[in-house]
Amino acid sequence: MTHILFVQWVNLVFGPAVKWYLLEKNLPFKALLVVDNVPAHPPYLKEVLLEEFTFIKPIDQQVISSFKKLYTRELFSCCFEMTDGTSLTLHEYWRDHFDIVRCMLIINAVWDEVSQRNLNSIWCNLGPGCAVTPGAFAPAPESAMVQEIASLGRTMGLLVTKEDVSKLVEGQKHELNTQDLLL
């Protein structure tokens, strides 16, 4: 993103939208814009490098972990609903019926759930006053979600344990490079 494009976006889109929202909700005129790898910021934006705030990384990871668990649960539920009581096998469903549209529908549904259940409580970790209503949306207990996913997997005839689900959700320990993605 170029400096000019970023400044225009801040001035013409972000700024007015935030101002309108805060005025409509009768909230104090304060906003936090979190950006990553922006080469040039407008001089009137206060810049704080994220490396200075290492506590943000666990918060980011908490959102990602919650999303992965919710996505996996919804995916397993969808697979179970489509194969239960039919002659369709899980493999056939996956091969012939699961497509990018269904994936995006699941992502959309799950993101709505993450937004409502997790984000507000995660912002509470940043400090007092960061969340609009502290404690309003407490996340579901992690072990209960993992157990539910494992149970759904077993219901479909998969040999899935809580440990398997945890490994799946943990995912890669390092970022994949282009070569890894092409394999």
Protein backbone atom coordinates (compact mmCIF):
# COMPACT_ATOMS: atom_id res chain seq x y z
CA MET A 1 0.00 0.00 0.00
CA THR A 2 1.38 3.39 -0.91
CA HIS A 3 1.60 6.34 1.45
CA ILE A 4 -0.94 8.31 -0.61
CA LEU A 5 -3.45 5.44 -0.72
CA PHE A 6 -3.11 4.84 3.02
CA VAL A 7 -3.56 8.53 3.87
CA GLN A 8 -6.62 8.74 1.60
CA TRP A 9 -8.11 5.64 3.21
CA VAL A 10 -7.53 7.01 6.72
CA ASN A 11 -8.95 10.44 5.83
CA LEU A 12 -11.86 9.43 3.60
CA VAL A 13 -12.93 6.03 4.92
CA PHE A 14 -11.59 5.06 8.33
CA GLY A 15 -11.71 8.46 10.03
CA PRO A 16 -15.26 9.43 9.03
CA ALA A 17 -16.62 5.93 9.73
CA VAL A 18 -15.08 5.88 13.22
CA LYS A 19 -16.24 9.42 13.97
CA TRP A 20 -19.80 8.60 12.88
CA TYR A 21 -19.84 5.37 14.91
CA LEU A 22 -18.51 7.00 18.08
CA LEU A 23 -20.94 9.91 17.81
CA GLU A 24 -23.89 7.60 17.14
CA LYS A 25 -22.99 5.39 20.13
CA ASN A 26 -22.20 8.42 22.31
CA LEU A 27 -18.70 7.08 23.02
CA PRO A 28 -15.53 9.07 23.74
CA PHE A 29 -13.68 10.14 20.63
CA LYS A 30 -10.87 7.59 20.84
CA ALA A 31 -9.97 4.90 18.34
CA LEU A 32 -7.27 2.33 17.87
CA LEU A 33 -6.16 1.50 14.35
CA VAL A 34 -3.92 -1.55 14.28
CA VAL A 35 -1.86 -1.79 11.10
CA ASP A 36 0.90 -4.12 10.08
CA ASN A 37 3.84 -3.39 7.79
CA VAL A 38 2.63 -0.01 6.59
CA PRO A 39 5.61 1.78 5.06
CA ALA A 40 4.44 5.34 5.68
CA HIS A 41 1.98 6.63 8.24
CA PRO A 42 0.38 10.07 8.21
CA PRO A 43 2.19 12.36 10.68
CA TYR A 44 -0.95 12.87 12.81
CA LEU A 45 -1.24 9.17 13.67
CA LYS A 46 0.49 8.12 16.86
CA GLU A 47 2.66 5.17 15.95
CA VAL A 48 3.41 2.43 18.45
CA LEU A 49 5.37 -0.54 17.20
CA LEU A 50 3.79 -3.86 18.09
CA GLU A 51 7.15 -5.32 19.09
CA GLU A 52 7.00 -3.01 22.10
CA PHE A 53 3.78 -4.70 23.17
CA THR A 54 4.52 -8.40 23.22
CA PHE A 55 1.22 -9.04 25.04
CA ILE A 56 -0.65 -8.45 21.76
CA LYS A 57 0.82 -11.60 20.17
CA PRO A 58 -0.88 -14.00 22.65
CA ILE A 59 -4.14 -12.12 22.11
CA ASP A 60 -3.79 -12.58 18.35
CA GLN A 61 -3.04 -16.27 18.91
CA GLN A 62 -6.07 -16.59 21.19
CA VAL A 63 -8.35 -15.25 18.44
CA ILE A 64 -6.80 -17.60 15.87
CA SER A 65 -7.04 -20.58 18.22
CA SER A 66 -10.69 -19.83 18.98
CA PHE A 67 -11.44 -19.45 15.28
CA LYS A 68 -9.75 -22.76 14.42
CA LYS A 69 -11.69 -24.62 17.10
CA LEU A 70 -15.00 -23.10 16.04
CA TYR A 71 -14.23 -23.77 12.36
CA THR A 72 -13.28 -27.39 13.03
CA ARG A 73 -16.41 -27.93 15.10
CA GLU A 74 -18.61 -26.41 12.39
CA LEU A 75 -16.84 -28.39 9.65
CA PHE A 76 -17.32 -31.66 11.54
CA SER A 77 -20.97 -30.78 12.20
CA CYS A 78 -21.52 -30.03 8.52
CA CYS A 79 -19.87 -33.31 7.48
CA PHE A 80 -21.96 -35.24 10.01
CA GLU A 81 -25.22 -33.61 8.90
CA MET A 82 -24.52 -34.38 5.25
CA THR A 83 -23.52 -38.02 5.79
CA ASP A 84 -25.77 -39.08 8.69
CA GLY A 85 -28.60 -41.32 7.55
CA THR A 86 -27.44 -41.33 3.93
CA SER A 87 -25.31 -43.64 1.83
CA LEU A 88 -22.86 -40.79 1.31
CA THR A 89 -19.48 -41.50 2.88
CA LEU A 90 -17.34 -38.82 4.46
CA HIS A 91 -14.79 -39.27 1.66
CA GLU A 92 -17.49 -38.87 -1.03
CA TYR A 93 -18.92 -35.80 0.66
CA TRP A 94 -15.47 -34.25 0.94
CA ARG A 95 -14.57 -35.09 -2.66
CA ASP A 96 -17.86 -34.33 -4.41
CA HIS A 97 -19.80 -31.84 -2.28
CA PHE A 98 -17.43 -29.75 -0.17
CA ASP A 99 -16.31 -26.73 -2.16
CA ILE A 100 -15.00 -23.21 -1.65
CA VAL A 101 -18.54 -21.81 -1.36
CA ARG A 102 -19.39 -24.15 1.53
CA CYS A 103 -16.02 -23.37 3.11
CA MET A 104 -16.70 -19.62 2.91
CA LEU A 105 -20.19 -20.10 4.38
CA ILE A 106 -18.64 -21.92 7.33
CA ILE A 107 -15.99 -19.22 7.74
CA ASN A 108 -18.68 -16.52 7.71
CA ALA A 109 -20.80 -18.30 10.33
CA VAL A 110 -17.79 -19.02 12.53
CA TRP A 111 -16.42 -15.48 12.31
CA ASP A 112 -19.75 -14.13 13.53
CA GLU A 113 -19.47 -16.46 16.51
CA VAL A 114 -15.86 -15.45 17.21
CA SER A 115 -16.78 -11.79 17.03
CA GLN A 116 -19.59 -12.15 19.53
CA ARG A 117 -18.02 -14.60 21.94
CA ASN A 118 -14.34 -13.88 22.04
CA LEU A 119 -13.12 -10.54 20.79
CA ASN A 120 -14.56 -8.37 23.53
CA SER A 121 -13.13 -10.51 26.32
CA ILE A 122 -9.78 -10.62 24.52
CA TRP A 123 -9.64 -6.82 24.33
CA CYS A 124 -10.14 -6.74 28.11
CA ASN A 125 -6.63 -8.20 28.35
CA LEU A 126 -5.19 -5.01 26.83
CA GLY A 127 -6.16 -2.98 29.85
CA PRO A 128 -9.02 -1.21 31.60
CA GLY A 129 -11.41 0.55 29.29
CA CYS A 130 -10.41 -1.30 26.13
CA ALA A 131 -13.56 -3.41 26.02
CA VAL A 132 -16.97 -1.80 25.78
CA THR A 133 -18.59 -4.24 28.22
CA PRO A 134 -15.92 -6.20 30.11
CA GLY A 135 -16.79 -9.84 30.62
CA ALA A 136 -19.92 -9.69 28.44
CA PHE A 137 -18.80 -12.37 26.04
CA ALA A 138 -16.67 -14.89 27.88
CA PRO A 139 -15.17 -17.51 25.57
CA ALA A 140 -16.31 -21.10 25.86
CA PRO A 141 -14.04 -23.31 27.94
CA GLU A 142 -11.28 -24.59 25.67
CA SER A 143 -11.43 -28.19 26.88
CA ALA A 144 -15.20 -28.38 26.31
CA MET A 145 -14.78 -27.22 22.70
CA VAL A 146 -11.98 -29.71 22.04
CA GLN A 147 -14.07 -32.51 23.59
CA GLU A 148 -17.07 -31.55 21.43
CA ILE A 149 -14.96 -31.65 18.25
CA ALA A 150 -13.50 -35.05 19.19
CA SER A 151 -16.99 -36.39 19.92
CA LEU A 152 -18.27 -35.18 16.55
CA GLY A 153 -15.34 -36.90 14.85
CA ARG A 154 -16.02 -40.17 16.65
CA THR A 155 -19.72 -39.90 15.74
CA MET A 156 -18.63 -39.91 12.08
CA GLY A 157 -16.53 -43.02 12.66
CA LEU A 158 -13.20 -41.24 12.86
CA LEU A 159 -10.61 -42.28 15.42
CA VAL A 160 -10.23 -38.80 16.90
CA THR A 161 -8.94 -37.98 20.36
CA LYS A 162 -8.78 -34.68 22.20
CA GLU A 163 -5.03 -34.74 21.63
CA ASP A 164 -5.58 -35.10 17.86
CA VAL A 165 -7.88 -32.09 17.87
CA SER A 166 -5.38 -30.05 19.88
CA LYS A 167 -2.60 -30.91 17.41
CA LEU A 168 -4.85 -30.02 14.47
CA VAL A 169 -5.79 -26.67 15.96
CA GLU A 170 -2.21 -25.87 16.98
CA GLY A 171 -1.18 -26.32 13.38
CA GLN A 172 2.18 -25.21 12.12
CA LYS A 173 4.74 -24.01 14.64
CA HIS A 174 6.41 -21.91 11.95
CA GLU A 175 5.19 -19.82 9.05
CA LEU A 176 5.05 -21.65 5.76
CA ASN A 177 7.22 -20.24 3.02
CA THR A 178 6.28 -20.22 -0.67
CA GLN A 179 8.07 -23.52 -1.28
CA ASP A 180 6.09 -25.24 1.52
CA LEU A 181 2.82 -23.96 0.08
CA LEU A 182 3.62 -25.25 -3.41
CA LEU A 183 4.25 -28.82 -2.23
